[in-house]
Amino acid sequence: MRLEANTELDHADHDKTGCLRENGTGEAVYGTGGTMVVAGGAIRGGRVYGRWPGLEETALYNCRDLMATGDVREVCAWIMRGITEAGLSGLETEGFPGMQMAQDPGFFR
């Protein structure tokens, strides 16, 4: 495999709460949100994709968790489309049923 065609996707499905509030046992609790890294020779690097909602109390989900700003399935679908040239309708109905792909984020070179 050529390095310039390589793509890697790493995802963590949860993060600590935005305010790092303690639960009843004095521990920080898991909340919503997550992180994803897309890397490789085929990816347009040097930028952050997505939207940062902030840590102000009004920007948090339930006043404590990082607000979700995207759908992990959509990122996976755009990566699959970039690698395999799969059709949008197939990805939305068969690959990831119920998901609608927004504008192409432009991951690939």
Protein backbone atom coordinates (compact mmCIF):
# COMPACT_ATOMS: atom_id res chain seq x y z
CA MET A 1 0.00 0.00 0.00
CA ARG A 2 1.29 3.45 -0.90
CA LEU A 3 1.70 5.78 2.09
CA GLU A 4 0.01 8.67 0.26
CA ALA A 5 -3.15 6.53 -0.06
CA ASN A 6 -3.19 5.55 3.62
CA THR A 7 -6.04 6.71 5.90
CA GLU A 8 -6.45 6.04 9.61
CA LEU A 9 -9.48 6.81 11.75
CA ASP A 10 -9.26 6.71 15.56
CA HIS A 11 -12.27 7.42 17.74
CA ALA A 12 -12.96 7.58 21.48
CA ASP A 13 -16.67 7.33 22.20
CA HIS A 14 -16.71 9.30 25.44
CA ASP A 15 -14.88 12.00 27.31
CA LYS A 16 -14.90 13.29 30.83
CA THR A 17 -17.54 15.88 31.56
CA GLY A 18 -16.84 19.43 30.42
CA CYS A 19 -16.77 20.84 33.93
CA LEU A 20 -15.11 17.78 35.47
CA ARG A 21 -17.71 17.78 38.22
CA GLU A 22 -17.48 15.01 40.73
CA ASN A 23 -20.16 12.41 41.21
CA GLY A 24 -21.41 11.22 44.62
CA THR A 25 -18.28 9.13 45.20
CA GLY A 26 -15.93 12.06 44.56
CA GLU A 27 -14.86 10.82 41.11
CA ALA A 28 -15.05 12.62 37.78
CA VAL A 29 -17.80 11.03 35.70
CA TYR A 30 -18.00 10.11 32.05
CA GLY A 31 -20.22 12.29 29.95
CA THR A 32 -21.20 12.71 26.34
CA GLY A 33 -18.89 13.83 23.58
CA GLY A 34 -15.82 12.25 22.16
CA THR A 35 -12.80 12.71 20.01
CA MET A 36 -11.83 11.53 16.57
CA VAL A 37 -8.53 11.72 14.73
CA VAL A 38 -8.36 11.24 10.96
CA ALA A 39 -4.81 10.95 9.65
CA GLY A 40 -2.78 9.58 6.78
CA GLY A 41 -1.19 10.51 3.51
CA ALA A 42 -4.55 10.81 1.73
CA ILE A 43 -5.95 13.29 4.27
CA ARG A 44 -5.72 17.08 4.07
CA GLY A 45 -3.80 17.70 7.26
CA GLY A 46 -2.99 20.71 9.34
CA ARG A 47 -6.58 21.60 10.23
CA VAL A 48 -9.28 20.84 12.72
CA TYR A 49 -12.64 19.75 11.34
CA GLY A 50 -15.80 20.25 13.31
CA ARG A 51 -17.08 22.82 15.72
CA TRP A 52 -15.96 23.52 19.29
CA PRO A 53 -19.02 24.39 21.41
CA GLY A 54 -17.02 25.72 24.37
CA LEU A 55 -17.10 24.99 28.08
CA GLU A 56 -19.39 27.78 29.22
CA GLU A 57 -22.26 26.37 31.26
CA THR A 58 -24.80 27.46 28.62
CA ALA A 59 -22.87 25.56 25.92
CA LEU A 60 -22.87 22.27 27.82
CA TYR A 61 -25.36 19.43 27.45
CA ASN A 62 -27.42 19.18 30.66
CA CYS A 63 -25.19 21.95 32.05
CA ARG A 64 -22.31 19.50 32.54
CA ASP A 65 -21.29 17.48 29.46
CA LEU A 66 -19.55 18.53 26.27
CA MET A 67 -22.20 19.16 23.63
CA ALA A 68 -22.14 16.77 20.69
CA THR A 69 -21.63 18.74 17.47
CA GLY A 70 -21.56 15.97 14.89
CA ASP A 71 -22.35 12.38 14.07
CA VAL A 72 -19.49 9.87 14.12
CA ARG A 73 -21.27 7.85 11.43
CA GLU A 74 -21.09 10.80 9.05
CA VAL A 75 -17.31 11.06 9.36
CA CYS A 76 -17.00 7.31 8.79
CA ALA A 77 -19.28 7.55 5.75
CA TRP A 78 -17.24 10.38 4.18
CA ILE A 79 -14.04 8.41 4.78
CA MET A 80 -15.60 5.33 3.17
CA ARG A 81 -16.78 7.43 0.22
CA GLY A 82 -13.30 8.91 -0.21
CA ILE A 83 -11.63 5.51 -0.16
CA THR A 84 -14.16 3.44 -2.13
CA GLU A 85 -16.08 6.09 -4.10
CA ALA A 86 -19.32 4.57 -2.74
CA GLY A 87 -22.52 6.43 -3.58
CA LEU A 88 -24.15 8.79 -1.08
CA SER A 89 -27.55 7.11 -1.17
CA GLY A 90 -26.03 3.67 -0.50
CA LEU A 91 -24.05 4.96 2.44
CA GLU A 92 -27.10 6.73 3.89
CA THR A 93 -29.52 3.83 3.46
CA GLU A 94 -27.42 0.66 3.66
CA GLY A 95 -24.12 1.60 5.31
CA PHE A 96 -25.53 3.93 7.96
CA PRO A 97 -29.35 3.70 7.89
CA GLY A 98 -31.13 6.85 9.04
CA MET A 99 -28.10 9.12 8.66
CA GLN A 100 -28.00 12.03 6.25
CA MET A 101 -24.61 13.14 4.95
CA ALA A 102 -24.17 16.91 5.03
CA GLN A 103 -21.73 18.83 2.86
CA ASP A 104 -18.47 17.03 2.07
CA PRO A 105 -15.97 18.12 4.76
CA GLY A 106 -13.11 17.81 2.25
CA PHE A 107 -10.94 15.33 4.17
CA PHE A 108 -9.15 14.00 1.10
CA ARG A 109 -6.43 15.67 -0.97
